[in-house]
């Protein structure tokens, strides 16, 4: 599912700083951490590749215990 975003520019007297943010849903789905380092690679004028230096281990999925239904006494 695509997530559109807007490129932002902070213009200062002697410099410019560009920002590309991604939605919290994307950050949460990928388990990003505050301050995590990533690397941008320009593939062509249309595409960028964002790569992580370290990928956290996937959270362990624990099976949900089955609940038993009380027996009815008819």
PDB file of N, CA and C in Angstrom:
ATOM      1  N   UNK A   1       0.844  -1.172   0.000  1.00  0.00           N
ATOM      2  CA  UNK A   1       0.000   0.000   0.000  1.00  0.00           C
ATOM      3  C   UNK A   1       0.893   1.241   0.000  1.00  0.00           C
ATOM      4  N   UNK A   2       0.725   2.141  -0.950  1.00  0.00           N
ATOM      5  CA  UNK A   2       1.549   3.354  -0.995  1.00  0.00           C
ATOM      6  C   UNK A   2       1.147   4.355   0.082  1.00  0.00           C
ATOM      7  N   UNK A   3       2.124   5.083   0.569  1.00  0.00           N
ATOM      8  CA  UNK A   3       1.909   6.132   1.563  1.00  0.00           C
ATOM      9  C   UNK A   3       2.478   7.431   1.009  1.00  0.00           C
ATOM     10  N   UNK A   4       1.649   8.305   0.449  1.00  0.00           N
ATOM     11  CA  UNK A   4       2.166   9.567  -0.087  1.00  0.00           C
ATOM     12  C   UNK A   4       2.716  10.449   1.032  1.00  0.00           C
ATOM     13  N   UNK A   5       3.731  11.210   0.709  1.00  0.00           N
ATOM     14  CA  UNK A   5       4.304  12.153   1.672  1.00  0.00           C
ATOM     15  C   UNK A   5       4.808  13.368   0.915  1.00  0.00           C
ATOM     16  N   UNK A   6       5.081  14.436   1.622  1.00  0.00           N
ATOM     17  CA  UNK A   6       5.525  15.682   1.019  1.00  0.00           C
ATOM     18  C   UNK A   6       6.981  15.939   1.387  1.00  0.00           C
ATOM     19  N   UNK A   7       7.770  16.350   0.407  1.00  0.00           N
ATOM     20  CA  UNK A   7       9.153  16.738   0.661  1.00  0.00           C
ATOM     21  C   UNK A   7       9.126  18.144   1.254  1.00  0.00           C
ATOM     22  N   UNK A   8       9.853  18.329   2.338  1.00  0.00           N
ATOM     23  CA  UNK A   8       9.880  19.623   3.020  1.00  0.00           C
ATOM     24  C   UNK A   8      11.266  20.243   2.898  1.00  0.00           C
ATOM     25  N   UNK A   9      11.314  21.563   2.840  1.00  0.00           N
ATOM     26  CA  UNK A   9      12.573  22.299   2.737  1.00  0.00           C
ATOM     27  C   UNK A   9      12.644  23.342   3.835  1.00  0.00           C
ATOM     28  N   UNK A  10      13.766  23.353   4.542  1.00  0.00           N
ATOM     29  CA  UNK A  10      14.058  24.416   5.501  1.00  0.00           C
ATOM     30  C   UNK A  10      15.143  25.268   4.851  1.00  0.00           C
ATOM     31  N   UNK A  11      14.793  26.490   4.524  1.00  0.00           N
ATOM     32  CA  UNK A  11      15.717  27.394   3.843  1.00  0.00           C
ATOM     33  C   UNK A  11      16.335  28.330   4.875  1.00  0.00           C
ATOM     34  N   UNK A  12      17.653  28.295   4.973  1.00  0.00           N
ATOM     35  CA  UNK A  12      18.376  29.200   5.873  1.00  0.00           C
ATOM     36  C   UNK A  12      19.220  30.149   5.026  1.00  0.00           C
ATOM     37  N   UNK A  13      19.838  31.115   5.667  1.00  0.00           N
ATOM     38  CA  UNK A  13      20.638  32.081   4.894  1.00  0.00           C
ATOM     39  C   UNK A  13      21.735  31.404   4.089  1.00  0.00           C
ATOM     40  N   UNK A  14      22.433  30.460   4.711  1.00  0.00           N
ATOM     41  CA  UNK A  14      23.600  29.870   4.053  1.00  0.00           C
ATOM     42  C   UNK A  14      23.452  28.390   3.728  1.00  0.00           C
ATOM     43  N   UNK A  15      22.299  27.822   4.005  1.00  0.00           N
ATOM     44  CA  UNK A  15      22.147  26.390   3.742  1.00  0.00           C
ATOM     45  C   UNK A  15      20.681  26.024   3.547  1.00  0.00           C
ATOM     46  N   UNK A  16      20.501  24.828   3.063  1.00  0.00           N
ATOM     47  CA  UNK A  16      19.168  24.252   2.909  1.00  0.00           C
ATOM     48  C   UNK A  16      19.177  22.883   3.567  1.00  0.00           C
ATOM     49  N   UNK A  17      18.063  22.522   4.131  1.00  0.00           N
ATOM     50  CA  UNK A  17      17.922  21.178   4.682  1.00  0.00           C
ATOM     51  C   UNK A  17      16.593  20.614   4.193  1.00  0.00           C
ATOM     52  N   UNK A  18      16.678  19.419   3.596  1.00  0.00           N
ATOM     53  CA  UNK A  18      15.512  18.760   3.029  1.00  0.00           C
ATOM     54  C   UNK A  18      15.090  17.614   3.927  1.00  0.00           C
ATOM     55  N   UNK A  19      13.776  17.407   4.035  1.00  0.00           N
ATOM     56  CA  UNK A  19      13.228  16.345   4.880  1.00  0.00           C
ATOM     57  C   UNK A  19      12.220  15.517   4.100  1.00  0.00           C
ATOM     58  N   UNK A  20      12.299  14.223   4.270  1.00  0.00           N
ATOM     59  CA  UNK A  20      11.278  13.309   3.764  1.00  0.00           C
ATOM     60  C   UNK A  20      10.865  12.456   4.953  1.00  0.00           C
ATOM     61  N   UNK A  21       9.635  12.578   5.358  1.00  0.00           N
ATOM     62  CA  UNK A  21       9.130  11.815   6.502  1.00  0.00           C
ATOM     63  C   UNK A  21       8.268  10.667   6.006  1.00  0.00           C
ATOM     64  N   UNK A  22       8.196   9.622   6.796  1.00  0.00           N
ATOM     65  CA  UNK A  22       7.254   8.573   6.459  1.00  0.00           C
ATOM     66  C   UNK A  22       6.307   8.379   7.625  1.00  0.00           C
ATOM     67  N   UNK A  23       5.102   7.904   7.330  1.00  0.00           N
ATOM     68  CA  UNK A  23       4.056   7.815   8.347  1.00  0.00           C
ATOM     69  C   UNK A  23       4.420   6.862   9.485  1.00  0.00           C
ATOM     70  N   UNK A  24       3.823   7.096  10.636  1.00  0.00           N
ATOM     71  CA  UNK A  24       4.041   6.253  11.811  1.00  0.00           C
ATOM     72  C   UNK A  24       3.679   4.803  11.522  1.00  0.00           C
ATOM     73  N   UNK A  25       2.673   4.584  10.686  1.00  0.00           N
ATOM     74  CA  UNK A  25       2.280   3.209  10.360  1.00  0.00           C
ATOM     75  C   UNK A  25       3.438   2.449   9.708  1.00  0.00           C
ATOM     76  N   UNK A  26       4.201   3.123   8.862  1.00  0.00           N
ATOM     77  CA  UNK A  26       5.354   2.492   8.208  1.00  0.00           C
ATOM     78  C   UNK A  26       6.456   2.240   9.234  1.00  0.00           C
ATOM     79  N   UNK A  27       6.750   3.246  10.050  1.00  0.00           N
ATOM     80  CA  UNK A  27       7.794   3.100  11.076  1.00  0.00           C
ATOM     81  C   UNK A  27       7.466   1.970  12.049  1.00  0.00           C
ATOM     82  N   UNK A  28       6.221   1.896  12.454  1.00  0.00           N
ATOM     83  CA  UNK A  28       5.809   0.838  13.386  1.00  0.00           C
ATOM     84  C   UNK A  28       5.859  -0.539  12.737  1.00  0.00           C
ATOM     85  N   UNK A  29       5.429  -0.632  11.490  1.00  0.00           N
ATOM     86  CA  UNK A  29       5.435  -1.922  10.801  1.00  0.00           C
ATOM     87  C   UNK A  29       6.847  -2.459  10.627  1.00  0.00           C
ATOM     88  N   UNK A  30       7.812  -1.557  10.497  1.00  0.00           N
ATOM     89  CA  UNK A  30       9.210  -1.961  10.301  1.00  0.00           C
ATOM     90  C   UNK A  30      10.024  -1.918  11.591  1.00  0.00           C
ATOM     91  N   UNK A  31       9.382  -1.619  12.707  1.00  0.00           N
ATOM     92  CA  UNK A  31      10.046  -1.557  14.014  1.00  0.00           C
ATOM     93  C   UNK A  31      11.226  -0.585  14.030  1.00  0.00           C
ATOM     94  N   UNK A  32      11.042   0.599  13.447  1.00  0.00           N
ATOM     95  CA  UNK A  32      12.098   1.604  13.493  1.00  0.00           C
ATOM     96  C   UNK A  32      12.266   2.124  14.912  1.00  0.00           C
ATOM     97  N   UNK A  33      13.484   2.527  15.244  1.00  0.00           N
ATOM     98  CA  UNK A  33      13.782   3.103  16.551  1.00  0.00           C
ATOM     99  C   UNK A  33      14.248   4.544  16.355  1.00  0.00           C
ATOM    100  N   UNK A  34      13.968   5.377  17.325  1.00  0.00           N
ATOM    101  CA  UNK A  34      14.411   6.770  17.292  1.00  0.00           C
ATOM    102  C   UNK A  34      15.929   6.809  17.170  1.00  0.00           C
ATOM    103  N   UNK A  35      16.432   7.626  16.253  1.00  0.00           N
ATOM    104  CA  UNK A  35      17.867   7.776  16.077  1.00  0.00           C
ATOM    105  C   UNK A  35      18.513   6.712  15.210  1.00  0.00           C
ATOM    106  N   UNK A  36      17.713   5.812  14.656  1.00  0.00           N
ATOM    107  CA  UNK A  36      18.261   4.742  13.820  1.00  0.00           C
ATOM    108  C   UNK A  36      18.906   5.331  12.569  1.00  0.00           C
ATOM    109  N   UNK A  37      20.035   4.776  12.155  1.00  0.00           N
ATOM    110  CA  UNK A  37      20.749   5.246  10.976  1.00  0.00           C
ATOM    111  C   UNK A  37      20.304   4.461   9.748  1.00  0.00           C
ATOM    112  N   UNK A  38      20.024   5.197   8.672  1.00  0.00           N
ATOM    113  CA  UNK A  38      19.650   4.590   7.398  1.00  0.00           C
ATOM    114  C   UNK A  38      20.516   5.198   6.301  1.00  0.00           C
ATOM    115  N   UNK A  39      20.522   4.563   5.143  1.00  0.00           N
ATOM    116  CA  UNK A  39      21.330   5.043   4.027  1.00  0.00           C
ATOM    117  C   UNK A  39      20.443   5.171   2.792  1.00  0.00           C
ATOM    118  N   UNK A  40      20.517   6.330   2.136  1.00  0.00           N
ATOM    119  CA  UNK A  40      19.781   6.550   0.898  1.00  0.00           C
ATOM    120  C   UNK A  40      20.678   6.217  -0.289  1.00  0.00           C
ATOM    121  N   UNK A  41      20.115   5.556  -1.287  1.00  0.00           N
ATOM    122  CA  UNK A  41      20.804   5.316  -2.553  1.00  0.00           C
ATOM    123  C   UNK A  41      19.896   5.814  -3.665  1.00  0.00           C
ATOM    124  N   UNK A  42      20.438   6.629  -4.559  1.00  0.00           N
ATOM    125  CA  UNK A  42      19.662   7.120  -5.698  1.00  0.00           C
ATOM    126  C   UNK A  42      19.725   6.054  -6.782  1.00  0.00           C
ATOM    127  N   UNK A  43      18.578   5.468  -7.094  1.00  0.00           N
ATOM    128  CA  UNK A  43      18.511   4.459  -8.152  1.00  0.00           C
ATOM    129  C   UNK A  43      18.395   5.122  -9.519  1.00  0.00           C
ATOM    130  N   UNK A  44      17.572   6.137  -9.605  1.00  0.00           N
ATOM    131  CA  UNK A  44      17.423   6.967 -10.796  1.00  0.00           C
ATOM    132  C   UNK A  44      16.660   8.213 -10.365  1.00  0.00           C
ATOM    133  N   UNK A  45      16.277   9.074 -11.292  1.00  0.00           N
ATOM    134  CA  UNK A  45      15.614  10.332 -10.919  1.00  0.00           C
ATOM    135  C   UNK A  45      14.211  10.127 -10.365  1.00  0.00           C
ATOM    136  N   UNK A  46      13.709   8.918 -10.432  1.00  0.00           N
ATOM    137  CA  UNK A  46      12.367   8.637  -9.943  1.00  0.00           C
ATOM    138  C   UNK A  46      12.368   7.845  -8.642  1.00  0.00           C
ATOM    139  N   UNK A  47      13.421   7.083  -8.375  1.00  0.00           N
ATOM    140  CA  UNK A  47      13.409   6.152  -7.254  1.00  0.00           C
ATOM    141  C   UNK A  47      14.613   6.318  -6.329  1.00  0.00           C
ATOM    142  N   UNK A  48      14.322   6.198  -5.034  1.00  0.00           N
ATOM    143  CA  UNK A  48      15.344   6.166  -3.984  1.00  0.00           C
ATOM    144  C   UNK A  48      15.211   4.847  -3.253  1.00  0.00           C
ATOM    145  N   UNK A  49      16.326   4.351  -2.758  1.00  0.00           N
ATOM    146  CA  UNK A  49      16.308   3.141  -1.953  1.00  0.00           C
ATOM    147  C   UNK A  49      16.775   3.518  -0.552  1.00  0.00           C
ATOM    148  N   UNK A  50      15.980   3.182   0.432  1.00  0.00           N
ATOM    149  CA  UNK A  50      16.329   3.441   1.825  1.00  0.00           C
ATOM    150  C   UNK A  50      16.719   2.111   2.450  1.00  0.00           C
ATOM    151  N   UNK A  51      17.936   2.025   2.969  1.00  0.00           N
ATOM    152  CA  UNK A  51      18.414   0.772   3.558  1.00  0.00           C
ATOM    153  C   UNK A  51      18.847   1.018   4.999  1.00  0.00           C
ATOM    154  N   UNK A  52      18.595   0.015   5.836  1.00  0.00           N
ATOM    155  CA  UNK A  52      18.982   0.086   7.240  1.00  0.00           C
ATOM    156  C   UNK A  52      20.352  -0.539   7.426  1.00  0.00           C
ATOM    157  N   UNK A  53      21.094  -0.008   8.388  1.00  0.00           N
ATOM    158  CA  UNK A  53      22.369  -0.636   8.733  1.00  0.00           C
ATOM    159  C   UNK A  53      22.131  -1.906   9.525  1.00  0.00           C
ATOM    160  N   UNK A  54      21.189  -1.850  10.444  1.00  0.00           N
ATOM    161  CA  UNK A  54      20.860  -2.998  11.280  1.00  0.00           C
ATOM    162  C   UNK A  54      19.353  -3.188  11.288  1.00  0.00           C
ATOM    163  N   UNK A  55      18.944  -4.417  11.152  1.00  0.00           N
ATOM    164  CA  UNK A  55      17.515  -4.727  11.181  1.00  0.00           C
ATOM    165  C   UNK A  55      17.242  -5.485  12.467  1.00  0.00           C
ATOM    166  N   UNK A  56      16.290  -5.010  13.280  1.00  0.00           N
ATOM    167  CA  UNK A  56      15.993  -5.732  14.519  1.00  0.00           C
ATOM    168  C   UNK A  56      15.388  -7.099  14.217  1.00  0.00           C
ATOM    169  N   UNK A  57      15.629  -8.026  15.133  1.00  0.00           N
ATOM    170  CA  UNK A  57      15.023  -9.338  14.981  1.00  0.00           C
ATOM    171  C   UNK A  57      13.514  -9.194  15.019  1.00  0.00           C
ATOM    172  N   UNK A  58      12.850 -10.029  14.244  1.00  0.00           N
ATOM    173  CA  UNK A  58      11.382 -10.014  14.245  1.00  0.00           C
ATOM    174  C   UNK A  58      10.894 -10.453  15.621  1.00  0.00           C
ATOM    175  N   UNK A  59       9.869  -9.813  16.134  1.00  0.00           N
ATOM    176  CA  UNK A  59       9.360 -10.226  17.439  1.00  0.00           C
ATOM    177  C   UNK A  59       8.864 -11.665  17.396  1.00  0.00           C
ATOM    178  N   UNK A  60       9.135 -12.374  18.461  1.00  0.00           N
ATOM    179  CA  UNK A  60       8.692 -13.765  18.536  1.00  0.00           C
ATOM    180  C   UNK A  60       7.173 -13.805  18.634  1.00  0.00           C
ATOM    181  N   UNK A  61       6.591 -14.682  17.880  1.00  0.00           N
ATOM    182  CA  UNK A  61       5.134 -14.837  17.921  1.00  0.00           C
ATOM    183  C   UNK A  61       4.831 -16.008  18.852  1.00  0.00           C
ATOM    184  N   UNK A  62       4.127 -15.711  19.905  1.00  0.00           N
ATOM    185  CA  UNK A  62       3.778 -16.762  20.853  1.00  0.00           C
ATOM    186  C   UNK A  62       2.352 -17.197  20.594  1.00  0.00           C
ATOM    187  N   UNK A  63       2.122 -18.491  20.585  1.00  0.00           N
ATOM    188  CA  UNK A  63       0.747 -18.943  20.337  1.00  0.00           C
ATOM    189  C   UNK A  63      -0.178 -18.516  21.459  1.00  0.00           C
ATOM    190  N   UNK A  64      -1.374 -18.162  21.076  1.00  0.00           N
ATOM    191  CA  UNK A  64      -2.381 -17.767  22.047  1.00  0.00           C
ATOM    192  C   UNK A  64      -2.967 -19.026  22.681  1.00  0.00           C
ATOM    193  N   UNK A  65      -2.997 -19.072  24.014  1.00  0.00           N
ATOM    194  CA  UNK A  65      -3.556 -20.278  24.641  1.00  0.00           C
ATOM    195  C   UNK A  65      -5.035 -20.419  24.295  1.00  0.00           C
ATOM    196  N   UNK A  66      -5.438 -21.644  24.056  1.00  0.00           N
ATOM    197  CA  UNK A  66      -6.843 -21.901  23.735  1.00  0.00           C
ATOM    198  C   UNK A  66      -7.656 -21.793  25.010  1.00  0.00           C
ATOM    199  N   UNK A  67      -8.782 -21.155  24.888  1.00  0.00           N
ATOM    200  CA  UNK A  67      -9.677 -21.063  26.043  1.00  0.00           C
ATOM    201  C   UNK A  67     -10.689 -22.184  25.963  1.00  0.00           C
ATOM    202  N   UNK A  68     -10.983 -22.733  27.074  1.00  0.00           N
ATOM    203  CA  UNK A  68     -11.967 -23.816  27.103  1.00  0.00           C
ATOM    204  C   UNK A  68     -13.306 -23.263  27.520  1.00  0.00           C
ATOM    205  N   UNK A  69     -14.318 -23.752  26.892  1.00  0.00           N
ATOM    206  CA  UNK A  69     -15.673 -23.335  27.207  1.00  0.00           C
ATOM    207  C   UNK A  69     -16.185 -24.186  28.367  1.00  0.00           C
ATOM    208  N   UNK A  70     -16.851 -23.582  29.332  1.00  0.00           N
ATOM    209  CA  UNK A  70     -17.415 -24.393  30.429  1.00  0.00           C
ATOM    210  C   UNK A  70     -18.473 -25.342  29.877  1.00  0.00           C
ATOM    211  N   UNK A  71     -18.482 -26.521  30.413  1.00  0.00           N
ATOM    212  CA  UNK A  71     -19.462 -27.531  29.976  1.00  0.00           C
ATOM    213  C   UNK A  71     -20.826 -27.179  30.560  1.00  0.00           C
ATOM    214  N   UNK A  72     -21.813 -27.281  29.696  1.00  0.00           N
ATOM    215  CA  UNK A  72     -23.169 -27.009  30.194  1.00  0.00           C
ATOM    216  C   UNK A  72     -23.757 -28.292  30.756  1.00  0.00           C
ATOM    217  N   UNK A  73     -24.535 -28.155  31.805  1.00  0.00           N
ATOM    218  CA  UNK A  73     -25.176 -29.307  32.445  1.00  0.00           C
ATOM    219  C   UNK A  73     -26.659 -29.290  32.094  1.00  0.00           C
ATOM    220  N   UNK A  74     -27.026 -30.020  31.048  1.00  0.00           N
ATOM    221  CA  UNK A  74     -28.418 -30.061  30.611  1.00  0.00           C
ATOM    222  C   UNK A  74     -29.186 -31.162  31.263  1.00  0.00           C
TER     223      UNK A  74
END
